[in-house]
């Protein structure tokens, strides 16, 4: 009976999380970009699922996704941050005589760091409206990270490097 919002919910770990929530009788809101497969996934999963086309770096769009969750399902108990992007590029490519794009790096920071914090702060506010359970809890926020933090990216395998 819980309600979860999942950023990056249309693919990868986010999609698996949405599917797991619905399978376990929770309701889920897929929070992902408008051009993602979020709408199709929500239709596939049925009335326990909704799609909120959202750029996680936008305060208004994230608040809109949370409002959709509350209006459609009555509350928000779980927020799972799975949205993330990566750029496979060397810091400096001597073969091409060029530095890594600062704009590309800023976009990664915007989505992976700022977008995650944006959902955390706004979801916490929504969860604060919930009545506490017997343990005093009002909700849970789960942040995920990529295995690339430990394995890195092998630029030799990426032609763009």
N, C-alpha and C. Protein backbone atom coordinates (compact mmCIF):
# COMPACT_ATOMS: atom_id res chain seq x y z
N UNK A 1 0.79 -1.21 0.00
CA UNK A 1 0.00 0.00 0.00
C UNK A 1 0.83 1.27 0.00
N UNK A 2 2.13 1.16 0.01
CA UNK A 2 2.97 2.36 0.02
C UNK A 2 3.02 2.99 -1.37
N UNK A 3 3.47 4.25 -1.41
CA UNK A 3 3.59 4.99 -2.66
C UNK A 3 5.04 5.42 -2.82
N UNK A 4 5.63 5.07 -3.97
CA UNK A 4 7.01 5.44 -4.24
C UNK A 4 7.14 6.28 -5.48
N UNK A 5 8.09 7.19 -5.47
CA UNK A 5 8.48 7.94 -6.66
C UNK A 5 9.91 7.53 -6.99
N UNK A 6 10.16 7.26 -8.28
CA UNK A 6 11.47 6.73 -8.68
C UNK A 6 12.03 7.57 -9.82
N UNK A 7 13.13 8.29 -9.55
CA UNK A 7 13.77 9.05 -10.63
C UNK A 7 14.54 8.08 -11.51
N UNK A 8 14.60 8.38 -12.80
CA UNK A 8 15.22 7.45 -13.73
C UNK A 8 14.43 6.17 -13.82
N UNK A 9 13.13 6.26 -13.53
CA UNK A 9 12.28 5.08 -13.41
C UNK A 9 11.90 4.37 -14.69
N UNK A 10 12.25 4.93 -15.84
CA UNK A 10 11.85 4.32 -17.11
C UNK A 10 12.86 3.30 -17.63
N UNK A 11 14.05 3.24 -17.04
CA UNK A 11 15.05 2.30 -17.55
C UNK A 11 15.97 1.82 -16.44
N UNK A 12 16.72 0.77 -16.73
CA UNK A 12 17.75 0.28 -15.85
C UNK A 12 17.29 -0.03 -14.44
N UNK A 13 18.10 0.36 -13.46
CA UNK A 13 17.81 0.11 -12.06
C UNK A 13 16.50 0.78 -11.64
N UNK A 14 16.23 1.97 -12.17
CA UNK A 14 14.99 2.66 -11.85
C UNK A 14 13.78 1.87 -12.29
N UNK A 15 13.82 1.35 -13.50
CA UNK A 15 12.70 0.54 -14.00
C UNK A 15 12.52 -0.71 -13.16
N UNK A 16 13.61 -1.36 -12.82
CA UNK A 16 13.53 -2.56 -11.98
C UNK A 16 12.92 -2.22 -10.63
N UNK A 17 13.24 -1.05 -10.10
CA UNK A 17 12.67 -0.61 -8.82
C UNK A 17 11.17 -0.39 -8.94
N UNK A 18 10.74 0.29 -10.01
CA UNK A 18 9.31 0.53 -10.24
C UNK A 18 8.58 -0.80 -10.35
N UNK A 19 9.13 -1.72 -11.15
CA UNK A 19 8.49 -3.03 -11.32
C UNK A 19 8.37 -3.76 -9.97
N UNK A 20 9.40 -3.68 -9.15
CA UNK A 20 9.40 -4.36 -7.85
C UNK A 20 8.36 -3.75 -6.92
N UNK A 21 8.27 -2.44 -6.93
CA UNK A 21 7.27 -1.78 -6.09
C UNK A 21 5.86 -2.24 -6.46
N UNK A 22 5.55 -2.19 -7.76
CA UNK A 22 4.21 -2.57 -8.22
C UNK A 22 3.95 -4.05 -7.94
N UNK A 23 4.94 -4.89 -8.18
CA UNK A 23 4.80 -6.33 -7.92
C UNK A 23 4.47 -6.60 -6.45
N UNK A 24 5.01 -5.76 -5.57
CA UNK A 24 4.80 -5.93 -4.13
C UNK A 24 3.64 -5.07 -3.61
N UNK A 25 2.72 -4.75 -4.50
CA UNK A 25 1.46 -4.07 -4.17
C UNK A 25 1.61 -2.64 -3.70
N UNK A 26 2.73 -2.01 -4.04
CA UNK A 26 2.88 -0.57 -3.82
C UNK A 26 2.40 0.14 -5.09
N UNK A 27 2.25 1.43 -4.99
CA UNK A 27 1.96 2.24 -6.17
C UNK A 27 3.21 3.05 -6.47
N UNK A 28 3.45 3.31 -7.75
CA UNK A 28 4.70 3.96 -8.13
C UNK A 28 4.47 5.05 -9.16
N UNK A 29 5.29 6.10 -9.04
CA UNK A 29 5.33 7.16 -10.05
C UNK A 29 6.70 7.12 -10.68
N UNK A 30 6.70 6.93 -11.99
CA UNK A 30 7.93 6.93 -12.78
C UNK A 30 8.29 8.38 -13.06
N UNK A 31 9.43 8.82 -12.57
CA UNK A 31 9.92 10.18 -12.78
C UNK A 31 11.08 10.08 -13.75
N UNK A 32 10.84 10.53 -14.99
CA UNK A 32 11.88 10.42 -16.02
C UNK A 32 11.62 11.45 -17.10
N UNK A 33 12.56 11.59 -18.00
CA UNK A 33 12.46 12.59 -19.06
C UNK A 33 11.27 12.31 -19.98
N UNK A 34 10.71 13.36 -20.57
CA UNK A 34 9.53 13.19 -21.44
C UNK A 34 9.74 12.21 -22.59
N UNK A 35 10.94 12.16 -23.15
CA UNK A 35 11.19 11.28 -24.29
C UNK A 35 11.56 9.84 -23.89
N UNK A 36 11.51 9.55 -22.60
CA UNK A 36 11.82 8.19 -22.13
C UNK A 36 10.64 7.26 -22.42
N UNK A 37 10.78 6.01 -22.03
CA UNK A 37 9.70 5.03 -22.22
C UNK A 37 8.80 4.97 -20.99
N UNK A 38 8.79 6.01 -20.18
CA UNK A 38 8.01 6.04 -18.94
C UNK A 38 6.52 5.89 -19.14
N UNK A 39 5.98 6.54 -20.16
CA UNK A 39 4.54 6.45 -20.40
C UNK A 39 4.14 5.03 -20.76
N UNK A 40 4.92 4.40 -21.64
CA UNK A 40 4.62 3.01 -22.04
C UNK A 40 4.73 2.07 -20.85
N UNK A 41 5.73 2.26 -20.01
CA UNK A 41 5.90 1.41 -18.83
C UNK A 41 4.72 1.58 -17.87
N UNK A 42 4.28 2.81 -17.66
CA UNK A 42 3.15 3.05 -16.76
C UNK A 42 1.89 2.36 -17.29
N UNK A 43 1.68 2.43 -18.59
CA UNK A 43 0.51 1.75 -19.17
C UNK A 43 0.63 0.24 -18.99
N UNK A 44 1.83 -0.29 -19.20
CA UNK A 44 2.05 -1.74 -19.04
C UNK A 44 1.75 -2.19 -17.60
N UNK A 45 2.16 -1.39 -16.63
CA UNK A 45 2.02 -1.79 -15.22
C UNK A 45 0.63 -1.50 -14.65
N UNK A 46 -0.17 -0.73 -15.35
CA UNK A 46 -1.56 -0.55 -14.96
C UNK A 46 -1.82 0.58 -13.99
N UNK A 47 -2.99 0.53 -13.32
CA UNK A 47 -3.44 1.65 -12.49
C UNK A 47 -2.62 1.91 -11.24
N UNK A 48 -1.74 1.00 -10.89
CA UNK A 48 -0.87 1.22 -9.73
C UNK A 48 0.37 2.02 -10.08
N UNK A 49 0.43 2.51 -11.33
CA UNK A 49 1.62 3.20 -11.79
C UNK A 49 1.23 4.43 -12.60
N UNK A 50 2.03 5.48 -12.49
CA UNK A 50 1.81 6.70 -13.27
C UNK A 50 3.16 7.21 -13.75
N UNK A 51 3.12 8.00 -14.81
CA UNK A 51 4.34 8.59 -15.37
C UNK A 51 4.30 10.10 -15.21
N UNK A 52 5.38 10.66 -14.68
CA UNK A 52 5.53 12.11 -14.55
C UNK A 52 6.75 12.54 -15.36
N UNK A 53 6.54 13.05 -16.59
CA UNK A 53 7.68 13.53 -17.38
C UNK A 53 8.40 14.66 -16.63
N UNK A 54 9.66 14.43 -16.30
CA UNK A 54 10.36 15.33 -15.38
C UNK A 54 11.85 15.41 -15.68
N UNK A 55 12.38 16.62 -15.64
CA UNK A 55 13.81 16.86 -15.61
C UNK A 55 14.14 17.07 -14.13
N UNK A 56 14.93 16.19 -13.54
CA UNK A 56 15.18 16.25 -12.09
C UNK A 56 15.93 17.51 -11.67
N UNK A 57 16.50 18.24 -12.62
CA UNK A 57 17.20 19.47 -12.27
C UNK A 57 16.23 20.66 -12.16
N UNK A 58 14.98 20.45 -12.48
CA UNK A 58 13.97 21.51 -12.43
C UNK A 58 13.14 21.41 -11.16
N UNK A 59 13.18 22.44 -10.33
CA UNK A 59 12.40 22.45 -9.09
C UNK A 59 10.91 22.29 -9.39
N UNK A 60 10.41 23.04 -10.37
CA UNK A 60 8.99 22.98 -10.70
C UNK A 60 8.55 21.62 -11.21
N UNK A 61 9.38 20.99 -12.05
CA UNK A 61 9.01 19.68 -12.59
C UNK A 61 9.04 18.60 -11.52
N UNK A 62 10.01 18.65 -10.63
CA UNK A 62 10.06 17.66 -9.54
C UNK A 62 8.86 17.86 -8.62
N UNK A 63 8.55 19.11 -8.29
CA UNK A 63 7.38 19.37 -7.44
C UNK A 63 6.12 18.88 -8.14
N UNK A 64 6.05 19.05 -9.47
CA UNK A 64 4.90 18.55 -10.23
C UNK A 64 4.77 17.05 -10.15
N UNK A 65 5.89 16.33 -10.20
CA UNK A 65 5.86 14.86 -10.09
C UNK A 65 5.37 14.44 -8.71
N UNK A 66 5.82 15.14 -7.68
CA UNK A 66 5.39 14.83 -6.31
C UNK A 66 3.91 15.16 -6.12
N UNK A 67 3.47 16.24 -6.71
CA UNK A 67 2.06 16.61 -6.63
C UNK A 67 1.21 15.55 -7.33
N UNK A 68 1.66 15.06 -8.48
CA UNK A 68 0.94 13.99 -9.18
C UNK A 68 0.82 12.76 -8.28
N UNK A 69 1.92 12.39 -7.63
CA UNK A 69 1.91 11.21 -6.75
C UNK A 69 0.89 11.39 -5.63
N UNK A 70 0.89 12.55 -5.01
CA UNK A 70 -0.03 12.81 -3.89
C UNK A 70 -1.48 12.85 -4.39
N UNK A 71 -1.72 13.51 -5.53
CA UNK A 71 -3.09 13.61 -6.05
C UNK A 71 -3.63 12.26 -6.50
N UNK A 72 -2.79 11.46 -7.16
CA UNK A 72 -3.24 10.18 -7.70
C UNK A 72 -3.30 9.09 -6.64
N UNK A 73 -2.30 9.08 -5.73
CA UNK A 73 -2.18 7.97 -4.79
C UNK A 73 -2.32 8.38 -3.31
N UNK A 74 -2.45 9.66 -3.02
CA UNK A 74 -2.76 10.11 -1.66
C UNK A 74 -1.60 10.41 -0.74
N UNK A 75 -0.40 9.98 -1.09
CA UNK A 75 0.74 10.19 -0.20
C UNK A 75 2.03 9.83 -0.92
N UNK A 76 3.15 10.06 -0.28
CA UNK A 76 4.46 9.63 -0.77
C UNK A 76 5.20 9.03 0.41
N UNK A 77 5.56 7.75 0.29
CA UNK A 77 6.25 7.05 1.37
C UNK A 77 7.71 6.77 1.04
N UNK A 78 8.02 6.67 -0.25
CA UNK A 78 9.34 6.23 -0.70
C UNK A 78 9.79 7.11 -1.85
N UNK A 79 11.03 7.58 -1.80
CA UNK A 79 11.65 8.25 -2.95
C UNK A 79 12.96 7.51 -3.24
N UNK A 80 13.10 7.07 -4.47
CA UNK A 80 14.32 6.36 -4.87
C UNK A 80 14.96 7.14 -6.01
N UNK A 81 16.19 7.58 -5.81
CA UNK A 81 16.92 8.33 -6.83
C UNK A 81 17.80 7.39 -7.65
N UNK A 82 17.39 7.18 -8.90
CA UNK A 82 18.18 6.36 -9.82
C UNK A 82 18.60 7.14 -11.06
N UNK A 83 18.11 8.35 -11.23
CA UNK A 83 18.47 9.15 -12.41
C UNK A 83 19.95 9.46 -12.38
N UNK A 84 20.60 9.27 -13.50
CA UNK A 84 22.02 9.58 -13.58
C UNK A 84 22.52 9.49 -15.00
N UNK A 85 23.53 10.28 -15.30
CA UNK A 85 24.15 10.26 -16.63
C UNK A 85 25.66 10.17 -16.47
N UNK A 86 26.32 9.80 -17.53
CA UNK A 86 27.79 9.73 -17.51
C UNK A 86 28.31 10.14 -18.88
N UNK A 87 29.52 10.64 -18.88
CA UNK A 87 30.20 11.01 -20.12
C UNK A 87 31.52 10.25 -20.15
N UNK A 88 31.73 9.46 -21.19
CA UNK A 88 32.99 8.72 -21.33
C UNK A 88 33.98 9.60 -22.07
N UNK A 89 34.88 10.20 -21.32
CA UNK A 89 35.84 11.11 -21.92
C UNK A 89 37.06 11.22 -21.01
N UNK A 90 38.21 11.38 -21.62
CA UNK A 90 39.43 11.60 -20.85
C UNK A 90 39.44 13.05 -20.36
N UNK A 91 40.13 13.29 -19.26
CA UNK A 91 40.27 14.65 -18.76
C UNK A 91 40.95 15.52 -19.82
N UNK A 92 41.97 14.97 -20.43
CA UNK A 92 42.61 15.63 -21.57
C UNK A 92 42.97 14.56 -22.58
N UNK A 93 42.53 14.74 -23.81
CA UNK A 93 42.80 13.78 -24.88
C UNK A 93 43.96 14.32 -25.72
N UNK A 94 45.14 13.74 -25.51
CA UNK A 94 46.33 14.20 -26.23
C UNK A 94 46.25 13.86 -27.71
N UNK A 95 45.61 12.75 -28.04
CA UNK A 95 45.48 12.36 -29.44
C UNK A 95 44.68 13.40 -30.22
N UNK A 96 43.62 13.93 -29.59
CA UNK A 96 42.77 14.93 -30.23
C UNK A 96 43.18 16.36 -29.85
N UNK A 97 44.13 16.47 -28.91
CA UNK A 97 44.59 17.77 -28.42
C UNK A 97 43.43 18.62 -27.90
N UNK A 98 42.59 17.99 -27.03
CA UNK A 98 41.47 18.75 -26.48
C UNK A 98 41.15 18.30 -25.06
N UNK A 99 40.68 19.25 -24.28
CA UNK A 99 40.28 18.98 -22.90
C UNK A 99 38.84 18.46 -22.87
N UNK A 100 38.54 17.73 -21.83
CA UNK A 100 37.17 17.28 -21.58
C UNK A 100 36.26 18.50 -21.59
N UNK A 101 35.10 18.37 -22.14
CA UNK A 101 34.14 19.46 -22.22
C UNK A 101 33.65 19.85 -20.82
N UNK A 102 33.85 21.11 -20.46
CA UNK A 102 33.35 21.59 -19.18
C UNK A 102 31.83 21.56 -19.16
N UNK A 103 31.19 21.88 -20.27
CA UNK A 103 29.74 21.85 -20.35
C UNK A 103 29.19 20.44 -20.09
N UNK A 104 29.85 19.43 -20.65
CA UNK A 104 29.42 18.04 -20.42
C UNK A 104 29.57 17.67 -18.95
N UNK A 105 30.68 18.08 -18.33
CA UNK A 105 30.89 17.79 -16.91
C UNK A 105 29.85 18.49 -16.05
N UNK A 106 29.54 19.74 -16.37
CA UNK A 106 28.52 20.48 -15.63
C UNK A 106 27.16 19.81 -15.73
N UNK A 107 26.82 19.26 -16.89
CA UNK A 107 25.55 18.57 -17.06
C UNK A 107 25.49 17.33 -16.17
N UNK A 108 26.58 16.57 -16.09
CA UNK A 108 26.65 15.40 -15.22
C UNK A 108 26.42 15.81 -13.76
N UNK A 109 27.07 16.87 -13.32
CA UNK A 109 26.90 17.36 -11.95
C UNK A 109 25.46 17.81 -11.73
N UNK A 110 24.88 18.51 -12.69
CA UNK A 110 23.51 18.99 -12.58
C UNK A 110 22.54 17.82 -12.36
N UNK A 111 22.66 16.78 -13.18
CA UNK A 111 21.73 15.66 -13.08
C UNK A 111 22.05 14.79 -11.86
N UNK A 112 23.29 14.34 -11.75
CA UNK A 112 23.64 13.36 -10.73
C UNK A 112 23.69 13.91 -9.31
N UNK A 113 24.08 15.13 -9.15
CA UNK A 113 24.20 15.71 -7.80
C UNK A 113 23.04 16.65 -7.49
N UNK A 114 22.88 17.67 -8.30
CA UNK A 114 21.84 18.67 -8.05
C UNK A 114 20.45 18.03 -8.19
N UNK A 115 20.26 17.21 -9.22
CA UNK A 115 18.96 16.55 -9.42
C UNK A 115 18.61 15.62 -8.28
N UNK A 116 19.59 14.89 -7.78
CA UNK A 116 19.36 14.00 -6.64
C UNK A 116 18.96 14.80 -5.41
N UNK A 117 19.71 15.87 -5.13
CA UNK A 117 19.39 16.71 -3.98
C UNK A 117 18.02 17.38 -4.14
N UNK A 118 17.70 17.79 -5.35
CA UNK A 118 16.40 18.41 -5.62
C UNK A 118 15.26 17.47 -5.21
N UNK A 119 15.35 16.21 -5.60
CA UNK A 119 14.31 15.25 -5.22
C UNK A 119 14.33 15.00 -3.71
N UNK A 120 15.49 14.87 -3.12
CA UNK A 120 15.59 14.63 -1.67
C UNK A 120 14.87 15.73 -0.90
N UNK A 121 15.19 16.97 -1.18
CA UNK A 121 14.65 18.08 -0.39
C UNK A 121 13.15 18.22 -0.56
N UNK A 122 12.66 18.04 -1.81
CA UNK A 122 11.23 18.21 -2.04
C UNK A 122 10.43 17.00 -1.57
N UNK A 123 10.97 15.80 -1.75
CA UNK A 123 10.29 14.59 -1.26
C UNK A 123 10.23 14.59 0.27
N UNK A 124 11.28 15.03 0.92
CA UNK A 124 11.28 15.10 2.38
C UNK A 124 10.17 16.01 2.87
N UNK A 125 9.96 17.11 2.19
CA UNK A 125 8.88 18.02 2.55
C UNK A 125 7.52 17.37 2.41
N UNK A 126 7.33 16.59 1.33
CA UNK A 126 6.06 15.89 1.12
C UNK A 126 5.87 14.79 2.16
N UNK A 127 6.93 14.06 2.46
CA UNK A 127 6.83 12.99 3.47
C UNK A 127 6.54 13.55 4.85
N UNK A 128 7.00 14.76 5.11
CA UNK A 128 6.74 15.40 6.39
C UNK A 128 5.26 15.63 6.65
N UNK A 129 4.45 15.59 5.59
CA UNK A 129 2.99 15.74 5.73
C UNK A 129 2.31 14.44 6.15
N UNK A 130 3.04 13.31 6.05
CA UNK A 130 2.47 12.01 6.42
C UNK A 130 2.35 11.91 7.94
N UNK A 131 1.35 11.16 8.38
CA UNK A 131 1.27 10.81 9.81
C UNK A 131 2.38 9.81 10.09
N UNK A 132 3.10 9.97 11.19
CA UNK A 132 4.16 9.01 11.50
C UNK A 132 3.60 7.63 11.80
N UNK A 133 4.38 6.59 11.44
CA UNK A 133 3.97 5.23 11.78
C UNK A 133 4.30 4.98 13.26
N UNK A 134 4.10 3.73 13.71
CA UNK A 134 4.33 3.41 15.13
C UNK A 134 5.77 3.65 15.58
N UNK A 135 6.71 3.70 14.63
CA UNK A 135 8.11 3.97 14.97
C UNK A 135 8.47 5.44 14.82
N UNK A 136 7.49 6.24 14.39
CA UNK A 136 7.75 7.67 14.21
C UNK A 136 8.24 8.04 12.82
N UNK A 137 8.28 7.06 11.91
CA UNK A 137 8.78 7.32 10.55
C UNK A 137 7.67 7.86 9.65
N UNK A 138 8.04 8.73 8.75
CA UNK A 138 7.10 9.31 7.80
C UNK A 138 7.42 8.93 6.35
N UNK A 139 8.57 8.32 6.12
CA UNK A 139 8.96 7.92 4.78
C UNK A 139 10.43 7.56 4.73
N UNK A 140 10.88 7.17 3.54
CA UNK A 140 12.28 6.78 3.35
C UNK A 140 12.76 7.30 2.00
N UNK A 141 14.02 7.73 1.98
CA UNK A 141 14.66 8.19 0.74
C UNK A 141 15.87 7.31 0.50
N UNK A 142 15.95 6.76 -0.70
CA UNK A 142 17.05 5.86 -1.07
C UNK A 142 17.79 6.46 -2.26
N UNK A 143 19.09 6.63 -2.12
CA UNK A 143 19.91 7.15 -3.21
C UNK A 143 20.80 6.03 -3.74
N UNK A 144 20.84 5.91 -5.04
CA UNK A 144 21.67 4.89 -5.67
C UNK A 144 22.87 5.55 -6.35
N UNK A 145 23.84 4.73 -6.69
CA UNK A 145 25.02 5.21 -7.41
C UNK A 145 25.46 4.15 -8.40
N UNK A 146 26.25 4.56 -9.34
CA UNK A 146 26.71 3.66 -10.38
C UNK A 146 27.92 2.85 -9.93
N UNK A 147 28.03 1.66 -10.47
CA UNK A 147 29.22 0.83 -10.23
C UNK A 147 30.46 1.50 -10.84
N UNK A 148 30.25 2.47 -11.73
CA UNK A 148 31.37 3.18 -12.35
C UNK A 148 32.22 3.89 -11.28
N UNK A 149 31.65 4.15 -10.12
CA UNK A 149 32.41 4.76 -9.03
C UNK A 149 33.58 3.87 -8.62
N UNK A 150 33.40 2.55 -8.77
CA UNK A 150 34.44 1.61 -8.39
C UNK A 150 35.23 1.08 -9.58
N UNK A 151 34.57 0.95 -10.72
CA UNK A 151 35.21 0.39 -11.89
C UNK A 151 35.69 1.43 -12.89
N UNK A 152 35.14 2.64 -12.82
CA UNK A 152 35.51 3.67 -13.78
C UNK A 152 35.01 3.34 -15.16
N UNK A 153 35.48 4.08 -16.13
CA UNK A 153 35.11 3.85 -17.52
C UNK A 153 36.38 3.67 -18.32
N UNK A 154 36.42 2.64 -19.11
CA UNK A 154 37.57 2.35 -19.94
C UNK A 154 37.44 3.11 -21.25
N UNK A 155 38.16 4.22 -21.35
CA UNK A 155 38.06 5.06 -22.55
C UNK A 155 38.57 4.36 -23.80
N UNK A 156 39.38 3.33 -23.63
CA UNK A 156 39.86 2.62 -24.81
C UNK A 156 38.72 1.91 -25.53
N UNK A 157 37.64 1.62 -24.83
CA UNK A 157 36.51 0.93 -25.42
C UNK A 157 35.48 1.90 -26.01
N UNK A 158 35.66 3.19 -25.79
CA UNK A 158 34.72 4.19 -26.27
C UNK A 158 35.35 5.01 -27.40
N UNK A 159 34.81 4.93 -28.61
CA UNK A 159 35.38 5.67 -29.73
C UNK A 159 35.40 7.18 -29.52
N UNK A 160 34.51 7.71 -28.68
CA UNK A 160 34.48 9.16 -28.46
C UNK A 160 35.69 9.66 -27.69
N UNK A 161 36.41 8.74 -27.05
CA UNK A 161 37.60 9.15 -26.29
C UNK A 161 38.76 9.35 -27.24
